N, C-alpha and C. Protein backbone atom coordinates (compact mmCIF):
# COMPACT_ATOMS: atom_id res chain seq x y z
N MET A 1 0.77 -1.16 0.06
CA MET A 1 -0.04 -0.04 0.06
C MET A 1 0.96 1.28 -0.10
N SER A 2 0.63 2.19 -0.81
CA SER A 2 1.52 3.41 -0.84
C SER A 2 1.35 4.36 0.22
N LYS A 3 2.29 5.14 0.55
CA LYS A 3 2.24 6.05 1.40
C LYS A 3 1.16 6.80 1.50
N LEU A 4 0.55 7.48 0.42
CA LEU A 4 -0.62 8.26 0.40
C LEU A 4 -1.83 7.36 0.63
N ARG A 5 -1.99 6.29 0.37
CA ARG A 5 -3.17 5.51 0.64
C ARG A 5 -3.15 5.04 2.10
N ARG A 6 -2.09 4.81 2.68
CA ARG A 6 -2.05 4.65 4.14
C ARG A 6 -2.40 5.89 4.83
N GLN A 7 -1.89 7.09 4.51
CA GLN A 7 -2.30 8.32 5.14
C GLN A 7 -3.85 8.58 4.93
N MET A 8 -4.37 8.32 3.88
CA MET A 8 -5.94 8.56 3.58
C MET A 8 -6.83 7.62 4.48
N SER A 9 -6.33 6.37 4.50
CA SER A 9 -7.07 5.44 5.39
C SER A 9 -6.86 5.58 6.73
N ALA A 10 -5.91 6.38 7.24
CA ALA A 10 -5.74 6.46 8.64
C ALA A 10 -6.71 7.18 9.36
N ASN A 11 -7.24 8.39 9.05
CA ASN A 11 -8.20 9.07 9.93
C ASN A 11 -8.89 10.23 8.94
N THR A 12 -8.98 9.90 7.78
CA THR A 12 -9.73 10.90 7.05
C THR A 12 -10.95 10.50 6.58
N PRO A 13 -12.01 11.35 7.16
CA PRO A 13 -13.30 11.01 6.66
C PRO A 13 -13.61 11.10 5.09
N SER A 14 -14.45 10.25 4.64
CA SER A 14 -14.84 10.24 3.25
C SER A 14 -15.98 11.20 2.80
N VAL A 15 -16.51 11.74 3.85
CA VAL A 15 -17.62 12.76 3.56
C VAL A 15 -17.06 14.23 3.71
N VAL A 16 -17.79 14.99 3.19
CA VAL A 16 -17.49 16.50 3.38
C VAL A 16 -17.93 17.00 4.61
N GLU A 17 -17.15 17.65 5.21
CA GLU A 17 -17.53 18.19 6.54
C GLU A 17 -17.35 19.74 6.46
N THR A 18 -18.10 20.60 7.08
CA THR A 18 -18.08 22.01 6.92
C THR A 18 -16.92 22.59 7.87
N LYS A 19 -16.44 23.46 7.11
CA LYS A 19 -15.00 24.22 7.75
C LYS A 19 -15.42 25.61 8.00
N SER A 20 -14.79 26.15 8.87
CA SER A 20 -14.94 27.67 9.25
C SER A 20 -14.08 28.41 8.16
N LEU A 21 -14.74 29.16 7.35
CA LEU A 21 -14.00 30.11 6.52
C LEU A 21 -12.98 30.92 7.29
N ILE A 22 -13.31 31.31 8.58
CA ILE A 22 -12.41 32.32 9.41
C ILE A 22 -11.01 31.36 9.58
N SER A 23 -11.26 30.20 9.93
CA SER A 23 -10.06 29.46 10.24
C SER A 23 -9.26 29.17 9.10
N ILE A 24 -9.91 28.91 7.83
CA ILE A 24 -9.10 28.68 6.70
C ILE A 24 -8.37 29.98 6.45
N LYS A 25 -8.97 31.15 6.52
CA LYS A 25 -8.45 32.32 6.16
C LYS A 25 -7.12 32.57 7.11
N GLU A 26 -7.30 32.30 8.47
CA GLU A 26 -6.13 32.63 9.31
C GLU A 26 -4.84 32.02 9.01
N LYS A 27 -5.01 30.92 8.22
CA LYS A 27 -3.62 30.19 7.89
C LYS A 27 -2.78 31.13 7.12
N THR A 28 -3.40 31.84 6.07
CA THR A 28 -2.71 32.79 5.28
C THR A 28 -2.89 34.20 5.31
N GLY A 29 -4.07 34.58 5.75
CA GLY A 29 -4.56 35.84 6.03
C GLY A 29 -5.33 36.35 5.03
N ASN A 30 -5.56 35.33 3.96
CA ASN A 30 -6.42 35.77 2.73
C ASN A 30 -7.26 34.47 2.29
N LEU A 31 -8.39 34.43 2.43
CA LEU A 31 -9.16 33.39 2.04
C LEU A 31 -8.93 32.63 0.69
N TYR A 32 -8.74 33.57 -0.20
CA TYR A 32 -8.56 33.18 -1.54
C TYR A 32 -7.30 32.46 -1.97
N GLU A 33 -6.22 33.00 -1.24
CA GLU A 33 -4.97 32.38 -1.24
C GLU A 33 -4.94 31.00 -0.44
N SER A 34 -5.70 30.93 0.36
CA SER A 34 -5.77 29.58 1.12
C SER A 34 -6.47 28.53 0.18
N ILE A 35 -7.48 29.06 -0.42
CA ILE A 35 -8.07 28.12 -1.28
C ILE A 35 -7.29 27.72 -2.31
N ALA A 36 -6.60 28.73 -3.05
CA ALA A 36 -5.63 28.35 -4.09
C ALA A 36 -4.74 27.34 -3.71
N ILE A 37 -4.11 27.37 -2.48
CA ILE A 37 -3.16 26.35 -1.93
C ILE A 37 -3.84 25.13 -1.76
N ILE A 38 -4.96 24.98 -1.29
CA ILE A 38 -5.61 23.60 -1.19
C ILE A 38 -6.01 23.00 -2.65
N ALA A 39 -6.25 23.89 -3.54
CA ALA A 39 -6.60 23.42 -4.80
C ALA A 39 -5.41 22.82 -5.45
N ARG A 40 -4.35 23.54 -5.37
CA ARG A 40 -3.22 22.98 -6.12
C ARG A 40 -2.70 21.70 -5.39
N ARG A 41 -2.85 21.60 -4.16
CA ARG A 41 -2.44 20.31 -3.42
C ARG A 41 -3.40 19.29 -3.72
N ALA A 42 -4.74 19.64 -3.99
CA ALA A 42 -5.82 18.50 -4.31
C ALA A 42 -5.37 18.05 -5.75
N ASN A 43 -5.00 18.98 -6.63
CA ASN A 43 -4.54 18.41 -8.06
C ASN A 43 -3.21 17.51 -8.01
N GLN A 44 -2.34 17.88 -6.91
CA GLN A 44 -1.20 16.91 -6.89
C GLN A 44 -1.65 15.61 -6.49
N ILE A 45 -2.47 15.47 -5.50
CA ILE A 45 -3.00 14.19 -4.88
C ILE A 45 -3.81 13.44 -6.09
N ASN A 46 -4.71 14.21 -6.73
CA ASN A 46 -5.39 13.58 -7.81
C ASN A 46 -4.48 12.93 -8.91
N VAL A 47 -3.46 13.66 -9.23
CA VAL A 47 -2.64 13.11 -10.26
C VAL A 47 -1.90 11.70 -9.80
N THR A 48 -1.38 11.93 -8.53
CA THR A 48 -0.68 10.92 -7.76
C THR A 48 -1.58 9.75 -7.76
N LEU A 49 -2.78 9.78 -7.25
CA LEU A 49 -3.76 8.63 -7.31
C LEU A 49 -4.04 8.08 -8.63
N ARG A 50 -4.33 8.97 -9.64
CA ARG A 50 -4.63 8.36 -10.94
C ARG A 50 -3.50 7.67 -11.61
N GLU A 51 -2.31 8.03 -11.39
CA GLU A 51 -1.16 7.30 -11.94
C GLU A 51 -0.98 6.06 -11.10
N GLU A 52 -1.27 6.07 -9.79
CA GLU A 52 -1.17 4.76 -9.19
C GLU A 52 -2.36 3.77 -9.51
N LEU A 53 -3.50 4.29 -9.70
CA LEU A 53 -4.48 3.43 -10.20
C LEU A 53 -4.21 2.80 -11.64
N HIS A 54 -3.89 3.73 -12.59
CA HIS A 54 -3.65 3.27 -13.79
C HIS A 54 -2.56 2.16 -13.86
N ASN A 55 -1.29 2.45 -13.06
CA ASN A 55 -0.15 1.45 -12.84
C ASN A 55 -0.93 0.18 -12.45
N LYS A 56 -1.70 0.06 -11.44
CA LYS A 56 -2.10 -1.09 -10.95
C LYS A 56 -3.09 -1.87 -11.87
N LEU A 57 -3.89 -1.04 -12.60
CA LEU A 57 -4.73 -1.70 -13.51
C LEU A 57 -4.16 -2.12 -14.81
N GLU A 58 -3.01 -1.55 -15.06
CA GLU A 58 -2.11 -1.93 -16.37
C GLU A 58 -1.75 -3.28 -16.28
N GLU A 59 -1.48 -3.82 -15.09
CA GLU A 59 -1.11 -5.17 -14.80
C GLU A 59 -2.13 -6.09 -15.37
N PHE A 60 -3.40 -5.83 -15.23
CA PHE A 60 -4.49 -6.77 -15.76
C PHE A 60 -4.99 -6.56 -17.19
N ALA A 61 -4.20 -5.56 -17.84
CA ALA A 61 -4.91 -5.16 -19.07
C ALA A 61 -4.38 -6.31 -20.18
N SER A 62 -5.40 -6.61 -20.97
CA SER A 62 -5.01 -7.58 -22.08
C SER A 62 -4.67 -6.71 -23.20
N HIS A 63 -3.66 -7.20 -23.96
CA HIS A 63 -3.37 -6.34 -25.22
C HIS A 63 -3.93 -7.00 -26.55
N THR A 64 -4.77 -7.81 -26.23
CA THR A 64 -5.38 -8.42 -27.59
C THR A 64 -6.78 -7.80 -27.66
N ASP A 65 -7.16 -7.75 -29.00
CA ASP A 65 -8.48 -6.95 -29.30
C ASP A 65 -9.70 -7.98 -29.40
N SER A 66 -9.59 -9.30 -28.97
CA SER A 66 -10.52 -10.19 -29.14
C SER A 66 -11.75 -9.92 -28.03
N LEU A 67 -12.76 -9.90 -28.66
CA LEU A 67 -14.05 -9.76 -27.69
C LEU A 67 -14.11 -11.11 -26.73
N GLU A 68 -13.75 -12.12 -27.24
CA GLU A 68 -13.84 -13.37 -26.37
C GLU A 68 -13.01 -13.50 -25.19
N GLU A 69 -11.86 -12.65 -25.36
CA GLU A 69 -10.93 -12.71 -24.04
C GLU A 69 -11.21 -11.88 -22.98
N ILE A 70 -12.30 -11.12 -23.44
CA ILE A 70 -12.64 -9.99 -22.29
C ILE A 70 -13.52 -10.60 -21.35
N HIS A 71 -13.10 -10.42 -20.00
CA HIS A 71 -13.92 -11.16 -18.99
C HIS A 71 -13.76 -10.29 -17.72
N GLU A 72 -14.46 -10.67 -16.73
CA GLU A 72 -14.30 -9.60 -15.52
C GLU A 72 -13.25 -10.44 -14.83
N ASN A 73 -12.32 -9.45 -14.32
CA ASN A 73 -11.22 -9.99 -13.32
C ASN A 73 -11.50 -9.39 -11.87
N LYS A 74 -11.80 -10.21 -10.99
CA LYS A 74 -12.00 -10.05 -9.64
C LYS A 74 -11.08 -8.99 -8.94
N GLU A 75 -9.73 -9.19 -9.16
CA GLU A 75 -8.75 -8.27 -8.58
C GLU A 75 -8.85 -6.98 -9.01
N GLN A 76 -9.03 -6.77 -10.36
CA GLN A 76 -9.12 -5.44 -10.97
C GLN A 76 -10.41 -4.73 -10.50
N ILE A 77 -11.51 -5.51 -10.26
CA ILE A 77 -12.73 -4.77 -9.55
C ILE A 77 -12.43 -4.42 -8.18
N GLU A 78 -11.74 -5.36 -7.46
CA GLU A 78 -11.62 -4.86 -6.09
C GLU A 78 -10.52 -3.72 -6.04
N ILE A 79 -9.61 -3.57 -6.83
CA ILE A 79 -8.75 -2.42 -6.86
C ILE A 79 -9.78 -1.11 -7.29
N SER A 80 -10.42 -1.17 -8.22
CA SER A 80 -11.34 -0.01 -8.54
C SER A 80 -12.12 0.33 -7.38
N LYS A 81 -12.69 -0.54 -6.67
CA LYS A 81 -13.77 -0.33 -5.55
C LYS A 81 -12.88 0.39 -4.41
N ALA A 82 -11.75 -0.16 -4.26
CA ALA A 82 -10.81 0.46 -3.15
C ALA A 82 -10.63 1.81 -3.58
N TYR A 83 -10.35 2.31 -4.66
CA TYR A 83 -10.01 3.78 -5.16
C TYR A 83 -11.20 4.54 -5.15
N GLU A 84 -12.47 3.84 -5.42
CA GLU A 84 -13.53 4.61 -5.41
C GLU A 84 -14.10 5.19 -3.81
N LYS A 85 -13.71 4.10 -2.80
CA LYS A 85 -14.11 4.53 -1.55
C LYS A 85 -13.00 5.75 -0.89
N MET A 86 -12.04 5.87 -1.50
CA MET A 86 -11.14 6.77 -0.79
C MET A 86 -11.62 8.27 -0.96
N PRO A 87 -11.14 8.98 0.10
CA PRO A 87 -11.77 10.31 0.07
C PRO A 87 -11.38 11.14 -1.11
N ASN A 88 -12.23 12.09 -1.44
CA ASN A 88 -12.13 13.10 -2.48
C ASN A 88 -10.67 13.92 -2.31
N PRO A 89 -9.72 14.10 -3.13
CA PRO A 89 -8.56 14.71 -3.00
C PRO A 89 -8.64 16.16 -2.51
N ALA A 90 -9.81 16.89 -2.70
CA ALA A 90 -10.06 18.11 -1.99
C ALA A 90 -10.25 17.95 -0.57
N ILE A 91 -10.99 16.94 -0.14
CA ILE A 91 -11.11 16.60 1.21
C ILE A 91 -9.63 16.41 2.01
N LEU A 92 -8.85 15.56 1.31
CA LEU A 92 -7.66 15.32 1.83
C LEU A 92 -6.74 16.62 1.83
N ALA A 93 -6.73 17.34 0.89
CA ALA A 93 -5.92 18.73 0.67
C ALA A 93 -6.21 19.72 1.81
N THR A 94 -7.61 19.69 2.14
CA THR A 94 -8.20 20.61 3.09
C THR A 94 -7.77 20.21 4.56
N GLN A 95 -7.65 18.83 4.58
CA GLN A 95 -7.28 18.26 6.05
C GLN A 95 -5.94 18.64 6.17
N GLU A 96 -5.08 18.35 5.08
CA GLU A 96 -3.57 18.60 5.24
C GLU A 96 -3.34 20.05 5.56
N PHE A 97 -4.00 21.01 4.95
CA PHE A 97 -3.87 22.47 5.02
C PHE A 97 -4.22 22.72 6.36
N MET A 98 -5.29 22.44 6.88
CA MET A 98 -5.78 22.76 8.41
C MET A 98 -4.71 22.13 9.24
N GLU A 99 -4.14 21.07 9.16
CA GLU A 99 -3.26 20.60 10.09
C GLU A 99 -1.51 20.99 9.95
N ASN A 100 -1.50 21.99 8.97
CA ASN A 100 -0.25 22.60 8.66
C ASN A 100 0.76 21.37 8.09
N LYS A 101 0.26 20.73 7.18
CA LYS A 101 1.26 19.81 6.62
C LYS A 101 1.46 20.04 5.12
N ILE A 102 1.02 21.23 4.82
CA ILE A 102 1.53 21.72 3.39
C ILE A 102 2.39 22.87 3.48
N TYR A 103 3.42 22.70 2.73
CA TYR A 103 4.38 23.67 2.78
C TYR A 103 4.11 24.64 1.48
N HIS A 104 4.03 26.05 1.90
CA HIS A 104 3.62 26.94 0.82
C HIS A 104 4.45 28.15 1.07
N ARG A 105 4.70 29.01 0.31
CA ARG A 105 5.40 30.20 0.34
C ARG A 105 4.76 31.17 -0.65
N ARG A 106 4.90 32.56 -0.26
CA ARG A 106 4.32 33.60 -1.15
C ARG A 106 5.68 34.10 -1.70
N ASN A 107 5.46 34.20 -2.98
CA ASN A 107 6.45 34.89 -3.91
C ASN A 107 6.24 36.43 -3.60
N ASN A 108 7.58 37.18 -3.73
CA ASN A 108 7.71 38.56 -3.45
C ASN A 108 7.21 39.15 -4.74
N ASP A 109 6.03 40.11 -4.62
CA ASP A 109 5.49 40.71 -5.65
C ASP A 109 6.64 41.62 -6.42
N ASN A 110 7.58 42.10 -5.79
CA ASN A 110 8.60 42.93 -6.53
C ASN A 110 9.39 42.19 -7.55
N ASP A 111 9.40 40.78 -7.17
CA ASP A 111 10.20 39.97 -8.13
C ASP A 111 9.64 39.83 -9.49
N LEU A 112 8.22 40.12 -9.63
CA LEU A 112 7.62 39.91 -10.78
C LEU A 112 8.08 40.90 -12.00
N PHE A 113 8.50 42.06 -11.54
CA PHE A 113 8.91 43.15 -12.38
C PHE A 113 10.39 43.27 -12.78
N ARG A 114 11.03 42.49 -12.30
CA ARG A 114 12.67 42.33 -12.67
C ARG A 114 12.82 41.58 -13.83
């Protein structure tokens, strides 16, 4: 099991819980900046999970085009079900952000004009 999957299965709820916008804003001082950080992390998590799932399902892929050889593979179905039960990447990213597990930094605005 990957590090990310272990982290997700540890204590992350798979349902959406309401969060205080004030507590999200307090982390950076700007609500929109906080949401942008969460969104970027959610995209990273999503890409990682998608690659991991495709790599695992690739093991079961048949490279022939014959319709007769297509059948249900129980291991493939179980892997797909396990990934469907995982929490949404946005939920994971929000939890990481609230627990200060995401490193982020603000670029200096003066650097943009050099």
